[in-house]
Amino acid sequence: MRLIGEATSVREAETLVAREQPHVLIIETENDIDIQELVRLVKTSVPATRIILLSSIEDHPHNVGSVSSGIDGIVLTIQPAVVLLATIN
């Protein structure tokens, strides 16, 4: 497993994903990124990329809409790192 980059906007993330075509994309809800737009763009350009949402709040409003918009998994930041690793694999 290797980290390919970090993005602070939908545009940066879209460019990075299109260039690197990662197996997994992890999105943090803490950022001011339009998650649903990013998921739509990634699933359109690199449909094989699995998307995991890393969230600090279990019932965060973004989570409900995101699951139905193509997110492959949600991991809470309070969970041990092993949960994130298991979700990635």
C-alpha atoms as a PDB file:
ATOM      1  CA  MET A   1       0.000   0.000   0.000  1.00  0.00           C
ATOM      2  CA  ARG A   2       1.283   3.475  -0.823  1.00  0.00           C
ATOM      3  CA  LEU A   3      -0.087   6.965  -0.394  1.00  0.00           C
ATOM      4  CA  ILE A   4      -0.314   8.831  -3.692  1.00  0.00           C
ATOM      5  CA  GLY A   5      -1.313  12.287  -2.502  1.00  0.00           C
ATOM      6  CA  GLU A   6      -3.611  14.652  -0.706  1.00  0.00           C
ATOM      7  CA  ALA A   7      -6.132  17.118  -2.109  1.00  0.00           C
ATOM      8  CA  THR A   8      -7.916  20.082  -0.591  1.00  0.00           C
ATOM      9  CA  SER A   9     -10.549  20.578  -3.286  1.00  0.00           C
ATOM     10  CA  VAL A  10     -12.730  18.524  -5.603  1.00  0.00           C
ATOM     11  CA  ARG A  11     -10.703  19.738  -8.591  1.00  0.00           C
ATOM     12  CA  GLU A  12      -7.384  18.672  -7.014  1.00  0.00           C
ATOM     13  CA  ALA A  13      -8.815  15.300  -6.000  1.00  0.00           C
ATOM     14  CA  GLU A  14     -10.306  14.683  -9.433  1.00  0.00           C
ATOM     15  CA  THR A  15      -6.981  15.471 -11.127  1.00  0.00           C
ATOM     16  CA  LEU A  16      -5.033  13.255  -8.719  1.00  0.00           C
ATOM     17  CA  VAL A  17      -7.437  10.323  -9.085  1.00  0.00           C
ATOM     18  CA  ALA A  18      -7.501  10.591 -12.889  1.00  0.00           C
ATOM     19  CA  ARG A  19      -3.700  10.666 -13.045  1.00  0.00           C
ATOM     20  CA  GLU A  20      -2.944   7.961 -10.449  1.00  0.00           C
ATOM     21  CA  GLN A  21      -6.062   5.749 -10.772  1.00  0.00           C
ATOM     22  CA  PRO A  22      -5.882   4.471  -7.178  1.00  0.00           C
ATOM     23  CA  HIS A  23      -7.508   1.301  -5.906  1.00  0.00           C
ATOM     24  CA  VAL A  24      -8.919   3.225  -2.907  1.00  0.00           C
ATOM     25  CA  LEU A  25      -9.801   6.856  -2.243  1.00  0.00           C
ATOM     26  CA  ILE A  26     -10.264   7.986   1.362  1.00  0.00           C
ATOM     27  CA  ILE A  27     -12.312  11.150   1.861  1.00  0.00           C
ATOM     28  CA  GLU A  28     -12.422  12.971   5.201  1.00  0.00           C
ATOM     29  CA  THR A  29     -15.686  14.711   6.067  1.00  0.00           C
ATOM     30  CA  GLU A  30     -13.727  17.390   7.931  1.00  0.00           C
ATOM     31  CA  ASN A  31     -12.790  19.074   4.671  1.00  0.00           C
ATOM     32  CA  ASP A  32     -15.093  21.519   2.915  1.00  0.00           C
ATOM     33  CA  ILE A  33     -15.259  19.248  -0.117  1.00  0.00           C
ATOM     34  CA  ASP A  34     -18.541  18.501  -1.858  1.00  0.00           C
ATOM     35  CA  ILE A  35     -18.418  14.755  -1.184  1.00  0.00           C
ATOM     36  CA  GLN A  36     -21.282  13.802  -3.468  1.00  0.00           C
ATOM     37  CA  GLU A  37     -19.751  15.722  -6.386  1.00  0.00           C
ATOM     38  CA  LEU A  38     -16.336  14.144  -5.804  1.00  0.00           C
ATOM     39  CA  VAL A  39     -17.844  10.653  -5.602  1.00  0.00           C
ATOM     40  CA  ARG A  40     -19.779  11.223  -8.830  1.00  0.00           C
ATOM     41  CA  LEU A  41     -16.664  12.441 -10.651  1.00  0.00           C
ATOM     42  CA  VAL A  42     -14.479   9.578  -9.389  1.00  0.00           C
ATOM     43  CA  LYS A  43     -17.060   6.894 -10.188  1.00  0.00           C
ATOM     44  CA  THR A  44     -17.395   8.353 -13.684  1.00  0.00           C
ATOM     45  CA  SER A  45     -13.676   8.677 -14.467  1.00  0.00           C
ATOM     46  CA  VAL A  46     -12.240   5.703 -12.535  1.00  0.00           C
ATOM     47  CA  PRO A  47     -15.177   3.423 -11.654  1.00  0.00           C
ATOM     48  CA  ALA A  48     -12.965   0.686 -10.175  1.00  0.00           C
ATOM     49  CA  THR A  49     -11.735   3.013  -7.396  1.00  0.00           C
ATOM     50  CA  ARG A  50     -13.302   2.107  -4.042  1.00  0.00           C
ATOM     51  CA  ILE A  51     -14.270   5.135  -1.964  1.00  0.00           C
ATOM     52  CA  ILE A  52     -14.105   5.156   1.830  1.00  0.00           C
ATOM     53  CA  LEU A  53     -15.498   8.011   3.905  1.00  0.00           C
ATOM     54  CA  LEU A  54     -13.559   8.833   7.084  1.00  0.00           C
ATOM     55  CA  SER A  55     -15.971  10.566   9.439  1.00  0.00           C
ATOM     56  CA  SER A  56     -15.711  11.920  12.964  1.00  0.00           C
ATOM     57  CA  ILE A  57     -19.465  11.917  13.586  1.00  0.00           C
ATOM     58  CA  GLU A  58     -21.505   8.738  13.126  1.00  0.00           C
ATOM     59  CA  ASP A  59     -24.706  10.396  11.930  1.00  0.00           C
ATOM     60  CA  HIS A  60     -23.108  13.282  10.044  1.00  0.00           C
ATOM     61  CA  PRO A  61     -25.565  14.541   7.373  1.00  0.00           C
ATOM     62  CA  HIS A  62     -23.004  13.937   4.611  1.00  0.00           C
ATOM     63  CA  ASN A  63     -22.895  10.218   5.468  1.00  0.00           C
ATOM     64  CA  VAL A  64     -26.523   9.423   4.692  1.00  0.00           C
ATOM     65  CA  GLY A  65     -26.425  10.990   1.238  1.00  0.00           C
ATOM     66  CA  SER A  66     -22.929   9.732   0.548  1.00  0.00           C
ATOM     67  CA  VAL A  67     -23.727   6.069   1.099  1.00  0.00           C
ATOM     68  CA  SER A  68     -26.428   6.211  -1.517  1.00  0.00           C
ATOM     69  CA  SER A  69     -24.170   8.161  -3.887  1.00  0.00           C
ATOM     70  CA  GLY A  70     -21.464   5.531  -4.312  1.00  0.00           C
ATOM     71  CA  ILE A  71     -19.410   5.440  -1.121  1.00  0.00           C
ATOM     72  CA  ASP A  72     -18.133   1.897  -0.579  1.00  0.00           C
ATOM     73  CA  GLY A  73     -17.569   2.208   3.171  1.00  0.00           C
ATOM     74  CA  ILE A  74     -17.604   4.538   6.163  1.00  0.00           C
ATOM     75  CA  VAL A  75     -15.039   4.434   8.974  1.00  0.00           C
ATOM     76  CA  LEU A  76     -15.294   6.575  12.085  1.00  0.00           C
ATOM     77  CA  THR A  77     -12.190   8.425  13.209  1.00  0.00           C
ATOM     78  CA  ILE A  78     -12.732   7.089  16.743  1.00  0.00           C
ATOM     79  CA  GLN A  79     -12.286   3.525  15.495  1.00  0.00           C
ATOM     80  CA  PRO A  80      -8.871   1.869  15.681  1.00  0.00           C
ATOM     81  CA  ALA A  81      -6.648   2.079  12.582  1.00  0.00           C
ATOM     82  CA  VAL A  82      -7.123  -1.648  12.056  1.00  0.00           C
ATOM     83  CA  VAL A  83     -10.754  -0.952  11.080  1.00  0.00           C
ATOM     84  CA  LEU A  84      -9.637   1.419   8.324  1.00  0.00           C
ATOM     85  CA  LEU A  85      -7.073  -1.125   7.117  1.00  0.00           C
ATOM     86  CA  ALA A  86      -9.698  -3.878   7.083  1.00  0.00           C
ATOM     87  CA  THR A  87     -12.072  -1.637   5.133  1.00  0.00           C
ATOM     88  CA  ILE A  88      -9.347  -0.861   2.599  1.00  0.00           C
ATOM     89  CA  ASN A  89      -8.641  -4.552   2.082  1.00  0.00           C
END
